[in-house]
Amino acid sequence: MPTFKSIHTAHGLQRMAAAEAAGQPINIVEMAVGDGNGNPVDIDDQADATGLVRERFRAEINRVYADPERDNRYSAELIIPASVGGFTLREIGIFDEQGGLFAVGNLPETYKPSDSEGAFADTVVRFEFLVTNASVVTLQIDPNVAVATHTWIINNVTMATLLPGGTTGQIAKKASNADGDIVWSDPDDINITVNTIDEEQTLADSQTLVDLAVVTTRGLAVYVDGLRLYEGAGANRWQKAPEPDSVTRIVLGQSYPGGTKLIAAQNEPTGFAPSPLERSKNLSDLDSRPAARANLDVFSKAETRHMAPSGMIAHFARNTAPTGWLKANGAAVSRSAYADLFAAIGTAFGAGNGFTTFNLPDLRGEFLRGWDDGRGADGGREFGSSQAGELQSHAHQGSAGSAGAHAHTGTAATAGSHSHGATTGLSGHHNHRLSGQAAGGGGRGLDDESQGSGWSSDRIEAAGNHTHSVSIGTGGAHTHTVSVGSAGTHNHSIEVEATGGSETRPRNMAMLGCIKF
C-alpha cells in the first residue's frame, strides 16, 4: 500500500452521488494544508473527516486541470506565498463550493519556511484526485487570484502561443486598432480600396445562366429578390461558369419565376466573406451567440429562467434546489464560491467558520414573517431573528342564565278516606260522687251514711279499674300542602376544558425553501 495517497471523504462521495443523480455539477474552490497537529496523518482514518487535523493555511485554488489521458482524473494546484510558513506540511485537503471537505490526502513531511527564515519564493502544492464522472466537476477559477507558476510559464509562454499561425515568408500586420489583433499575409500583398459596383438583371422564367455585363465574378455578391445567394453548389446558391476563361458568367443553383430581380455587386465586402447578421437568418448566422449576448449585456432563455437577485427567498414544489439556488437549510457555504450571495446577506444568519464560509438562513419547518422595520407591529426584533411559538394571552368566558328569585312548589300525595284511633289511659279504682238536692229540706252528701229526708237519689258503687273509648270521625280524602322556600338569585358554575394540539398553526403545505446565490 502506498504511504502517501488521497481519498474522498464521506461528504465528497455523497456530493458525487447527488451530482450524478440531479445533474448539478460540483465546483472545487479551495485547498488547505496542515501539519497534522505535529504528527504523521493516517489518511485511512480521515474518511469521515470534515476538516484537516490542524489546518495551517487555506486559499482559493490557483488552477484545476484534467489529466489529458484520463478525463476523470484532476490535479488541483495551491500557491503558498513566501510570506506564509513556519510549519511542516503533513496533510492536504480540497473543499467544494458548499465549504465541505471533498477529498483529503497526506504529504511527505516538508518544512515550509517563511520569508523571515530566508524563503524567497512561493511554494506550489498539487493534489491529484479522481471523480466517478468527469461531468460532475466544473472548473471555475477566479482569474484575478490565479498565479502562473514558473513551470507553467516555461511550458506555455512560447513564441508559438504568442504568435500563432502564419507560413514561411509571411508577415504579421494589424487587422484592427485593437491590441494584439494581427493577421498573417504575404509581403507582396497590396491593399487597394475600390468602389463597389453592381448591376441589376431581370431573370426570365426557368433561367439559370446569367451573363454579367458590368461586373465580374471576382469579389462578387449575388442577391435574388433581396436575399443573398452564397457561392457554392446547391439550391439558393451560385457558381462560376465551368468555362476556364469566363469571368462574366454565373450559374444559379435553381431557376426563379420570370421577372425576378437579380443584383450582382462587385467589390462589396460581403463578396469576400460570409455576410454577417443577414435579415433572413434571424441572428442564426452569428459566430458566437454567447459572445454576442455578453457584448449586448443580455441573458439567454435558459439563464433568465433562473434569474433573480442574490439573496432572494422562494419556495419550490420540488425536493431539490433549482440551478442557481441553494436549499435554505442553514448550511455553511464558501464566501468566495458564493461571493454575490455573501455580499447580499453577509453573516446575518451565521458567520460559518468566521473566515472562508458563512451560513444560509434555515427555513426548514418555519413560517416567514415580514421584518417590522420600524413599523411597531412586531418591534424590538433584529433582522433575521427567530421567534418561538406563542399564543396571545386571552380568557375564555362562560355563563349560566340567572334564575331570579323563585320558589319551588311541593305536593303531598292524597291520604284517602281513613280514621284515626284514640284511647284513654287507665283511670284506676275510683268512685263517682253524685250531689243532689233534697226533696224536702236539708241535704246530705253522697258519702253520708244516711240520707236526709227529702233526697231522691241512688247510691253509685265503685267502678273499679276501667278505660273509656274515644271515637274520632273520618277526615275524608284530603292532601297536605308542602311549601318550599325561595332559593334567591343565584348562578351555576361552568368548567371549560383545554383543547388543541402541540402547536399553533394555520392550514399549510410543505414546500422547499431556497435562496438565490
Protein backbone atom coordinates (compact mmCIF):
# COMPACT_ATOMS: atom_id res chain seq x y z
CA MET A 1 0.00 0.00 0.00
CA PRO A 2 1.32 3.47 -0.80
CA THR A 3 2.38 5.60 2.13
CA PHE A 4 1.05 8.83 0.69
CA LYS A 5 -2.32 8.96 -1.01
CA SER A 6 -5.62 10.82 -1.22
CA ILE A 7 -9.18 9.63 -0.60
CA HIS A 8 -12.67 11.05 -0.95
CA THR A 9 -14.41 11.89 2.29
CA ALA A 10 -17.95 10.75 3.02
CA HIS A 11 -19.07 14.27 2.09
CA GLY A 12 -17.26 14.03 -1.25
CA LEU A 13 -18.82 10.67 -2.09
CA GLN A 14 -22.28 12.00 -1.20
CA ARG A 15 -21.77 15.09 -3.36
CA MET A 16 -20.73 12.99 -6.37
CA ALA A 17 -23.70 10.65 -5.98
CA ALA A 18 -26.09 13.57 -5.64
CA ALA A 19 -24.48 15.40 -8.56
CA GLU A 20 -24.88 12.42 -10.88
CA ALA A 21 -28.49 11.93 -9.79
CA ALA A 22 -29.57 15.59 -10.01
CA GLY A 23 -27.22 16.75 -12.78
CA GLN A 24 -25.82 19.60 -10.68
CA PRO A 25 -22.02 19.80 -11.03
CA ILE A 26 -19.58 20.25 -8.15
CA ASN A 27 -17.18 23.17 -8.09
CA ILE A 28 -13.86 22.72 -6.26
CA VAL A 29 -12.91 26.15 -4.93
CA GLU A 30 -10.43 25.95 -2.02
CA MET A 31 -7.43 23.97 -0.84
CA ALA A 32 -5.83 23.80 2.60
CA VAL A 33 -2.67 22.31 4.10
CA GLY A 34 -1.97 21.34 7.71
CA ASP A 35 0.71 19.95 9.99
CA GLY A 36 -1.30 17.03 11.44
CA ASN A 37 -1.07 18.60 14.88
CA GLY A 38 2.63 17.68 14.90
CA ASN A 39 2.18 14.01 13.92
CA PRO A 40 2.01 11.96 10.71
CA VAL A 41 -1.53 11.55 9.39
CA ASP A 42 -3.02 8.12 8.67
CA ILE A 43 -5.26 9.04 5.77
CA ASP A 44 -7.42 5.90 6.14
CA ASP A 45 -8.73 7.37 9.40
CA GLN A 46 -9.94 10.54 7.66
CA ALA A 47 -12.83 9.14 5.58
CA ASP A 48 -15.42 10.85 7.81
CA ALA A 49 -13.35 13.99 8.39
CA THR A 50 -14.89 17.41 7.87
CA GLY A 51 -11.58 19.28 8.07
CA LEU A 52 -7.86 18.76 8.46
CA VAL A 53 -6.37 17.60 11.75
CA ARG A 54 -4.82 21.05 12.16
CA GLU A 55 -5.14 23.45 9.28
CA ARG A 56 -2.31 25.94 8.83
CA PHE A 57 -3.11 27.64 5.51
CA ARG A 58 -6.08 27.82 3.15
CA ALA A 59 -6.61 29.75 -0.10
CA GLU A 60 -8.57 29.65 -3.32
CA ILE A 61 -7.28 27.06 -5.75
CA ASN A 62 -4.84 28.50 -8.25
CA ARG A 63 -6.00 26.20 -11.02
CA VAL A 64 -7.67 22.82 -11.59
CA TYR A 65 -6.93 20.83 -14.74
CA ALA A 66 -7.92 17.43 -16.08
CA ASP A 67 -5.45 14.72 -16.99
CA PRO A 68 -5.13 14.61 -20.82
CA GLU A 69 -5.21 10.80 -20.79
CA ARG A 70 -7.88 10.22 -18.11
CA ASP A 71 -10.74 12.69 -18.21
CA ASN A 72 -11.91 11.76 -14.69
CA ARG A 73 -8.53 12.47 -13.10
CA TYR A 74 -7.85 16.01 -11.93
CA SER A 75 -5.00 17.97 -10.43
CA ALA A 76 -5.64 20.96 -8.16
CA GLU A 77 -2.87 23.48 -7.51
CA LEU A 78 -2.34 25.64 -4.42
CA ILE A 79 0.14 28.53 -4.13
CA ILE A 80 1.54 29.09 -0.62
CA PRO A 81 3.09 32.59 -0.56
CA ALA A 82 6.69 33.04 0.56
CA SER A 83 5.42 35.11 3.50
CA VAL A 84 3.48 32.13 4.91
CA GLY A 85 5.40 29.40 6.69
CA GLY A 86 6.98 28.21 9.91
CA PHE A 87 5.22 24.81 9.90
CA THR A 88 5.63 21.29 8.49
CA LEU A 89 3.35 20.10 5.70
CA ARG A 90 1.79 16.70 6.51
CA GLU A 91 -1.82 16.84 5.22
CA ILE A 92 -3.79 18.44 2.41
CA GLY A 93 -7.49 18.78 1.51
CA ILE A 94 -9.74 20.31 -1.13
CA PHE A 95 -13.12 21.94 -0.42
CA ASP A 96 -16.20 22.37 -2.62
CA GLU A 97 -18.43 25.40 -3.06
CA GLN A 98 -20.53 24.35 -0.04
CA GLY A 99 -17.48 24.57 2.19
CA GLY A 100 -17.33 20.78 2.66
CA LEU A 101 -14.14 18.71 2.66
CA PHE A 102 -14.34 16.90 -0.72
CA ALA A 103 -11.08 14.92 -0.64
CA VAL A 104 -8.15 14.64 1.76
CA GLY A 105 -4.58 13.33 1.49
CA ASN A 106 -1.30 13.10 3.39
CA LEU A 107 2.06 14.52 2.37
CA PRO A 108 5.70 13.70 2.98
CA GLU A 109 6.86 15.79 5.91
CA THR A 110 8.13 19.02 4.37
CA TYR A 111 9.03 22.12 6.34
CA LYS A 112 7.64 25.36 4.86
CA PRO A 113 9.81 28.33 5.87
CA SER A 114 8.58 31.90 5.85
CA ASP A 115 10.30 34.88 4.27
CA SER A 116 11.71 35.82 7.68
CA GLU A 117 13.56 32.50 7.63
CA GLY A 118 15.02 33.07 4.20
CA ALA A 119 12.22 31.84 1.91
CA PHE A 120 12.30 33.86 -1.29
CA ALA A 121 9.69 32.12 -3.50
CA ASP A 122 6.17 30.82 -3.34
CA THR A 123 5.57 27.12 -2.77
CA VAL A 124 3.35 25.14 -5.19
CA VAL A 125 1.42 22.14 -3.85
CA ARG A 126 -0.55 19.90 -6.22
CA PHE A 127 -3.33 17.50 -5.23
CA GLU A 128 -4.49 14.71 -7.55
CA PHE A 129 -7.92 13.12 -7.23
CA LEU A 130 -10.39 11.03 -9.24
CA VAL A 131 -14.12 11.50 -9.79
CA THR A 132 -16.70 8.94 -10.86
CA ASN A 133 -17.87 11.07 -13.77
CA ALA A 134 -15.97 13.98 -15.28
CA SER A 135 -19.19 15.85 -15.98
CA VAL A 136 -19.96 16.30 -12.26
CA VAL A 137 -16.94 18.60 -11.72
CA THR A 138 -16.75 22.17 -13.00
CA LEU A 139 -13.56 24.21 -13.17
CA GLN A 140 -14.40 27.77 -12.15
CA ILE A 141 -11.24 29.56 -11.15
CA ASP A 142 -11.11 33.28 -10.41
CA PRO A 143 -8.55 34.68 -12.92
CA ASN A 144 -7.85 37.54 -10.53
CA VAL A 145 -6.30 35.18 -7.96
CA ALA A 146 -4.64 32.67 -10.30
CA VAL A 147 -0.84 32.75 -10.24
CA ALA A 148 1.28 31.48 -13.13
CA THR A 149 3.96 29.12 -11.90
CA HIS A 150 7.46 29.06 -13.35
CA THR A 151 6.85 25.63 -14.86
CA TRP A 152 3.62 26.76 -16.45
CA ILE A 153 5.30 29.81 -18.00
CA ILE A 154 8.13 27.70 -19.47
CA ASN A 155 5.65 25.22 -20.96
CA ASN A 156 3.04 27.67 -22.19
CA VAL A 157 4.54 31.12 -22.84
CA THR A 158 6.34 30.47 -26.13
CA MET A 159 6.51 32.20 -29.46
CA ALA A 160 4.12 29.60 -30.81
CA THR A 161 1.49 30.68 -28.30
CA LEU A 162 2.27 34.40 -28.59
CA LEU A 163 2.25 34.48 -32.41
CA PRO A 164 0.25 31.50 -33.70
CA GLY A 165 -0.39 30.81 -37.39
CA GLY A 166 1.35 32.09 -40.48
CA THR A 167 3.55 30.36 -43.04
CA THR A 168 7.14 30.76 -44.15
CA GLY A 169 7.79 34.21 -45.63
CA GLN A 170 4.57 35.77 -44.35
CA ILE A 171 4.48 38.87 -42.20
CA ALA A 172 2.16 39.93 -39.40
CA LYS A 173 0.09 43.05 -39.89
CA LYS A 174 -2.61 44.80 -37.92
CA ALA A 175 -6.15 43.71 -38.68
CA SER A 176 -7.65 46.44 -36.48
CA ASN A 177 -6.58 49.03 -33.95
CA ALA A 178 -7.22 46.58 -31.11
CA ASP A 179 -4.12 45.40 -29.24
CA GLY A 180 -2.90 42.04 -30.48
CA ASP A 181 -5.27 41.89 -33.43
CA ILE A 182 -2.92 40.81 -36.22
CA VAL A 183 -3.17 38.71 -39.35
CA TRP A 184 -0.54 36.96 -41.44
CA SER A 185 -0.15 37.99 -45.13
CA ASP A 186 2.30 37.75 -47.98
CA PRO A 187 4.78 40.64 -48.26
CA ASP A 188 3.69 41.46 -51.80
CA ASP A 189 0.01 41.75 -50.96
CA ILE A 190 -1.25 45.21 -51.77
CA ASN A 191 -4.36 46.60 -50.16
CA ILE A 192 -6.39 48.53 -52.70
CA THR A 193 -9.55 50.40 -51.84
CA VAL A 194 -12.10 50.37 -54.66
CA ASN A 195 -15.68 51.44 -55.02
CA THR A 196 -18.45 48.86 -55.07
CA ILE A 197 -20.09 48.43 -58.49
CA ASP A 198 -23.18 46.45 -59.25
CA GLU A 199 -25.65 45.64 -61.98
CA GLU A 200 -29.30 44.58 -61.96
CA GLN A 201 -30.88 42.00 -64.27
CA THR A 202 -34.41 40.64 -64.65
CA LEU A 203 -34.48 36.88 -64.81
CA ALA A 204 -36.55 35.01 -67.34
CA ASP A 205 -38.70 32.09 -66.35
CA SER A 206 -36.50 28.96 -65.77
CA GLN A 207 -33.27 30.94 -66.37
CA THR A 208 -30.17 29.61 -64.58
CA LEU A 209 -27.29 31.05 -66.66
CA VAL A 210 -26.56 34.72 -66.13
CA ASP A 211 -24.06 36.66 -68.27
CA LEU A 212 -22.73 39.70 -66.46
CA ALA A 213 -22.24 42.93 -68.41
CA VAL A 214 -20.80 45.34 -65.84
CA VAL A 215 -19.17 43.25 -63.14
CA THR A 216 -17.07 40.08 -62.98
CA THR A 217 -17.11 37.11 -60.66
CA ARG A 218 -14.10 38.35 -58.68
CA GLY A 219 -15.35 39.54 -55.29
CA LEU A 220 -18.96 39.09 -56.36
CA ALA A 221 -22.03 39.09 -54.16
CA VAL A 222 -25.31 37.90 -55.72
CA TYR A 223 -28.80 38.83 -54.46
CA VAL A 224 -32.12 37.48 -55.78
CA ASP A 225 -35.19 39.42 -54.64
CA GLY A 226 -33.08 40.91 -51.86
CA LEU A 227 -31.86 37.58 -50.47
CA ARG A 228 -28.15 36.82 -50.53
CA LEU A 229 -27.05 33.73 -52.51
CA TYR A 230 -23.78 32.24 -51.28
CA GLU A 231 -21.25 30.83 -53.69
CA GLY A 232 -21.29 27.04 -53.94
CA ALA A 233 -23.27 24.06 -55.17
CA GLY A 234 -26.93 23.60 -54.33
CA ALA A 235 -30.25 25.45 -54.36
CA ASN A 236 -30.21 29.11 -53.33
CA ARG A 237 -26.53 29.31 -54.33
CA TRP A 238 -24.50 30.32 -57.36
CA GLN A 239 -21.32 29.07 -59.04
CA LYS A 240 -18.81 30.41 -61.53
CA ALA A 241 -19.28 29.10 -65.05
CA PRO A 242 -17.30 25.94 -65.79
CA GLU A 243 -15.52 27.57 -68.74
CA PRO A 244 -12.00 28.39 -67.52
CA ASP A 245 -11.74 31.75 -69.21
CA SER A 246 -15.20 33.00 -68.31
CA VAL A 247 -15.27 35.55 -65.51
CA THR A 248 -18.56 37.11 -66.52
CA ARG A 249 -20.91 34.13 -66.36
CA ILE A 250 -22.53 32.60 -63.28
CA VAL A 251 -24.77 29.55 -62.90
CA LEU A 252 -27.69 29.73 -60.46
CA GLY A 253 -28.41 26.69 -58.37
CA GLN A 254 -32.12 26.90 -59.25
CA SER A 255 -34.45 28.82 -61.56
CA TYR A 256 -36.85 31.56 -60.46
CA PRO A 257 -40.15 32.90 -61.83
CA GLY A 258 -39.95 35.34 -64.69
CA GLY A 259 -39.49 38.94 -63.61
CA THR A 260 -37.38 38.08 -60.55
CA LYS A 261 -34.72 40.74 -59.94
CA LEU A 262 -31.05 39.74 -59.61
CA ILE A 263 -28.40 42.14 -58.36
CA ALA A 264 -24.70 41.34 -58.81
CA ALA A 265 -22.47 43.54 -56.61
CA GLN A 266 -18.70 43.56 -57.10
CA ASN A 267 -16.13 44.67 -54.51
CA GLU A 268 -18.79 44.57 -51.81
CA PRO A 269 -17.22 43.49 -48.50
CA THR A 270 -19.64 40.57 -48.30
CA GLY A 271 -18.28 39.32 -51.61
CA PHE A 272 -15.08 38.23 -49.84
CA ALA A 273 -16.54 36.84 -46.61
CA PRO A 274 -19.84 35.45 -45.38
CA SER A 275 -22.30 38.24 -44.70
CA PRO A 276 -22.87 38.90 -41.01
CA LEU A 277 -26.33 39.31 -39.50
CA GLU A 278 -28.43 38.68 -42.58
CA ARG A 279 -32.04 39.51 -42.03
CA SER A 280 -33.24 36.17 -43.34
CA LYS A 281 -31.07 34.30 -40.81
CA ASN A 282 -32.67 35.93 -37.73
CA LEU A 283 -29.29 36.09 -35.94
CA SER A 284 -28.62 32.37 -36.52
CA ASP A 285 -25.51 33.31 -38.54
CA LEU A 286 -23.67 34.72 -35.51
CA ASP A 287 -20.28 33.16 -34.91
CA SER A 288 -20.91 33.02 -31.16
CA ARG A 289 -24.29 33.78 -29.71
CA PRO A 290 -22.99 33.65 -26.09
CA ALA A 291 -20.35 36.23 -27.02
CA ALA A 292 -22.99 38.39 -28.70
CA ARG A 293 -25.18 38.24 -25.61
CA ALA A 294 -22.22 39.17 -23.44
CA ASN A 295 -21.46 42.17 -25.68
CA LEU A 296 -25.11 43.25 -25.55
CA ASP A 297 -25.31 42.58 -21.78
CA VAL A 298 -28.36 40.31 -22.15
CA PHE A 299 -29.15 36.80 -20.94
CA SER A 300 -30.18 33.65 -22.73
CA LYS A 301 -33.55 31.96 -22.30
CA ALA A 302 -32.04 29.31 -20.05
CA GLU A 303 -30.33 31.94 -17.91
CA THR A 304 -33.43 34.08 -17.49
CA ARG A 305 -35.42 31.06 -16.31
CA HIS A 306 -33.42 31.01 -13.08
CA MET A 307 -32.74 34.76 -12.90
CA ALA A 308 -33.29 36.50 -9.57
CA PRO A 309 -31.22 38.80 -7.33
CA SER A 310 -28.82 37.15 -4.91
CA GLY A 311 -30.46 36.65 -1.51
CA MET A 312 -33.98 36.21 -2.88
CA ILE A 313 -36.06 33.61 -1.00
CA ALA A 314 -38.53 31.39 -2.88
CA HIS A 315 -40.40 28.14 -2.27
CA PHE A 316 -40.42 25.38 -4.88
CA ALA A 317 -42.70 22.38 -5.47
CA ARG A 318 -39.71 20.04 -5.66
CA ASN A 319 -37.30 18.48 -3.16
CA THR A 320 -34.08 19.69 -4.82
CA ALA A 321 -32.83 23.23 -5.35
CA PRO A 322 -33.08 24.52 -8.96
CA THR A 323 -29.98 25.65 -10.83
CA GLY A 324 -28.72 28.92 -9.37
CA TRP A 325 -30.38 28.32 -5.97
CA LEU A 326 -29.36 26.68 -2.70
CA LYS A 327 -31.54 24.99 -0.11
CA ALA A 328 -32.16 27.44 2.75
CA ASN A 329 -31.12 24.86 5.35
CA GLY A 330 -28.65 26.82 7.48
CA ALA A 331 -25.61 25.20 5.82
CA ALA A 332 -22.18 26.89 5.89
CA VAL A 333 -21.03 27.65 2.32
CA SER A 334 -17.96 29.23 0.73
CA ARG A 335 -17.70 33.01 0.76
CA SER A 336 -15.68 33.01 -2.46
CA ALA A 337 -17.77 30.47 -4.41
CA TYR A 338 -20.95 32.39 -3.49
CA ALA A 339 -19.49 35.88 -3.43
CA ASP A 340 -22.67 37.60 -4.70
CA LEU A 341 -24.81 35.92 -2.03
CA PHE A 342 -22.24 36.71 0.66
CA ALA A 343 -22.27 40.36 -0.43
CA ALA A 344 -26.08 40.35 -0.19
CA ILE A 345 -26.65 38.71 3.24
CA GLY A 346 -23.22 38.70 4.90
CA THR A 347 -23.20 36.93 8.25
CA ALA A 348 -26.77 37.83 9.26
CA PHE A 349 -27.60 34.13 9.61
CA GLY A 350 -24.26 32.89 10.90
CA ALA A 351 -20.57 33.56 10.28
CA GLY A 352 -19.69 29.97 9.31
CA ASN A 353 -16.11 29.29 10.31
CA GLY A 354 -15.53 33.04 10.58
CA PHE A 355 -13.04 33.01 7.72
CA THR A 356 -13.98 31.27 4.48
CA THR A 357 -17.63 30.30 4.99
CA PHE A 358 -20.94 31.85 6.04
CA ASN A 359 -24.34 30.39 6.94
CA LEU A 360 -27.51 30.33 4.90
CA PRO A 361 -30.85 31.05 6.60
CA ASP A 362 -32.59 27.90 7.85
CA LEU A 363 -36.23 27.92 6.69
CA ARG A 364 -36.97 24.25 7.31
CA GLY A 365 -40.32 23.95 9.11
CA GLU A 366 -40.63 27.74 9.52
CA PHE A 367 -43.32 30.31 8.65
CA LEU A 368 -41.96 33.58 7.26
CA ARG A 369 -42.88 36.92 8.84
CA GLY A 370 -42.16 40.34 7.40
CA TRP A 371 -39.49 42.29 9.27
CA ASP A 372 -41.08 45.12 11.30
CA ASP A 373 -38.51 47.69 10.03
CA GLY A 374 -39.68 50.41 12.42
CA ARG A 375 -43.45 49.98 11.99
CA GLY A 376 -44.07 48.94 15.61
CA ALA A 377 -46.32 45.92 14.95
CA ASP A 378 -43.54 43.48 15.87
CA GLY A 379 -40.93 45.83 17.30
CA GLY A 380 -37.80 45.11 19.25
CA ARG A 381 -36.53 42.45 16.85
CA GLU A 382 -33.37 42.33 14.80
CA PHE A 383 -33.45 41.50 11.11
CA GLY A 384 -33.17 37.75 10.56
CA SER A 385 -34.04 36.82 14.15
CA SER A 386 -36.34 33.91 15.03
CA GLN A 387 -39.33 33.69 17.35
CA ALA A 388 -40.61 30.68 19.28
CA GLY A 389 -44.26 29.65 19.02
CA GLU A 390 -46.66 31.51 21.31
CA LEU A 391 -50.38 32.12 21.98
CA GLN A 392 -51.55 35.64 22.75
CA SER A 393 -52.83 35.98 26.32
CA HIS A 394 -56.64 35.61 26.43
CA ALA A 395 -59.52 34.33 28.57
CA HIS A 396 -62.47 32.00 27.90
CA GLN A 397 -65.82 33.28 29.24
CA GLY A 398 -68.81 31.14 30.26
CA SER A 399 -72.09 31.99 31.98
CA ALA A 400 -75.40 30.45 33.02
CA GLY A 401 -78.60 32.50 32.85
CA SER A 402 -79.84 33.92 36.16
CA ALA A 403 -82.88 32.09 37.52
CA GLY A 404 -84.04 35.09 39.59
CA ALA A 405 -85.79 34.87 42.94
CA HIS A 406 -88.22 31.93 42.86
CA ALA A 407 -89.76 29.17 44.89
CA HIS A 408 -90.17 25.51 44.23
CA THR A 409 -93.72 24.04 44.73
CA GLY A 410 -94.11 20.68 46.52
CA THR A 411 -97.15 18.44 46.94
CA ALA A 412 -98.08 15.52 49.24
CA ALA A 413 -99.98 12.56 47.88
CA THR A 414 -103.63 12.20 48.92
CA ALA A 415 -104.19 10.01 52.04
CA GLY A 416 -107.66 8.76 51.03
CA SER A 417 -110.59 8.29 53.34
CA HIS A 418 -109.40 6.99 56.78
CA SER A 419 -109.95 7.17 60.55
CA HIS A 420 -107.67 7.81 63.42
CA GLY A 421 -107.90 5.52 66.55
CA ALA A 422 -107.68 7.02 70.05
CA THR A 423 -107.56 5.57 73.63
CA THR A 424 -107.67 6.99 77.13
CA GLY A 425 -105.36 5.94 79.87
CA LEU A 426 -106.32 3.55 82.68
CA SER A 427 -108.02 5.61 85.45
CA GLY A 428 -107.53 3.09 88.28
CA HIS A 429 -110.02 2.24 91.09
CA HIS A 430 -112.26 5.20 91.98
CA ASN A 431 -115.79 6.27 92.91
CA HIS A 432 -118.08 8.67 91.32
CA ARG A 433 -119.91 11.09 93.62
CA LEU A 434 -123.24 12.42 92.87
CA SER A 435 -124.51 15.50 94.66
CA GLY A 436 -128.17 16.17 94.63
CA GLN A 437 -130.84 18.38 96.28
CA ALA A 438 -133.14 17.11 98.96
CA ALA A 439 -136.64 16.91 98.03
CA GLY A 440 -137.91 18.08 101.32
CA GLY A 441 -135.46 20.06 103.23
CA GLY A 442 -131.78 19.90 104.20
CA GLY A 443 -129.42 17.89 102.26
CA ARG A 444 -126.57 15.40 102.65
CA GLY A 445 -123.59 14.26 100.81
CA LEU A 446 -123.41 11.08 98.91
CA ASP A 447 -121.00 9.68 101.40
CA ASP A 448 -123.36 10.24 104.22
CA GLU A 449 -124.24 7.02 105.72
CA SER A 450 -127.84 8.00 105.75
CA GLN A 451 -129.83 10.19 103.65
CA GLY A 452 -131.66 13.11 104.83
CA SER A 453 -135.22 13.50 104.26
CA GLY A 454 -136.23 14.89 101.09
CA TRP A 455 -133.46 13.36 98.94
CA SER A 456 -134.26 11.35 95.98
CA SER A 457 -131.06 9.64 94.66
CA ASP A 458 -129.37 6.35 94.08
CA ARG A 459 -126.05 5.31 95.57
CA ILE A 460 -123.28 4.59 92.98
CA GLU A 461 -120.80 1.87 93.65
CA ALA A 462 -117.09 1.99 92.90
CA ALA A 463 -116.38 1.48 89.18
CA GLY A 464 -113.03 -0.37 89.55
CA ASN A 465 -110.18 -0.10 87.06
CA HIS A 466 -111.53 0.62 83.52
CA THR A 467 -110.99 2.62 80.36
CA HIS A 468 -113.13 4.87 78.28
CA SER A 469 -113.24 4.51 74.46
CA VAL A 470 -112.93 7.61 72.30
CA SER A 471 -114.06 7.61 68.68
CA ILE A 472 -112.66 10.06 66.10
CA GLY A 473 -114.55 10.59 62.89
CA THR A 474 -113.04 10.07 59.42
CA GLY A 475 -111.25 13.02 57.85
CA GLY A 476 -112.26 12.12 54.29
CA ALA A 477 -109.96 12.18 51.26
CA HIS A 478 -107.55 15.11 51.59
CA THR A 479 -103.97 16.37 50.93
CA HIS A 480 -101.37 18.15 52.93
CA THR A 481 -99.63 21.27 51.42
CA VAL A 482 -95.81 21.38 51.49
CA SER A 483 -94.13 24.77 50.99
CA VAL A 484 -90.50 25.04 49.69
CA GLY A 485 -88.73 28.33 50.45
CA SER A 486 -87.21 30.59 47.70
CA ALA A 487 -83.50 29.93 46.85
CA GLY A 488 -82.88 33.59 45.98
CA THR A 489 -80.99 34.97 42.93
CA HIS A 490 -78.05 32.67 42.09
CA ASN A 491 -75.79 31.33 39.27
CA HIS A 492 -74.46 27.89 38.38
CA SER A 493 -70.64 27.40 37.74
CA ILE A 494 -69.41 26.15 34.27
CA GLU A 495 -65.99 24.46 33.78
CA VAL A 496 -64.21 24.97 30.37
CA GLU A 497 -61.72 22.22 29.42
CA ALA A 498 -58.50 22.70 27.36
CA THR A 499 -58.44 21.76 23.65
CA GLY A 500 -55.95 21.81 20.70
CA GLY A 501 -52.66 20.10 19.73
CA SER A 502 -48.92 20.63 20.23
CA GLU A 503 -48.58 23.92 18.29
CA THR A 504 -50.50 26.88 16.86
CA ARG A 505 -50.57 26.88 13.04
CA PRO A 506 -52.83 27.77 10.12
CA ARG A 507 -53.65 25.28 7.42
CA ASN A 508 -50.45 24.88 5.38
CA MET A 509 -48.49 22.89 2.79
CA ALA A 510 -44.80 21.93 2.94
CA MET A 511 -42.59 23.30 0.14
CA LEU A 512 -38.79 23.58 -0.27
CA GLY A 513 -37.42 26.98 0.79
CA CYS A 514 -34.41 28.07 -1.30
CA ILE A 515 -32.18 31.13 -1.59
CA LYS A 516 -30.73 32.58 -4.81
CA PHE A 517 -26.93 32.75 -4.94
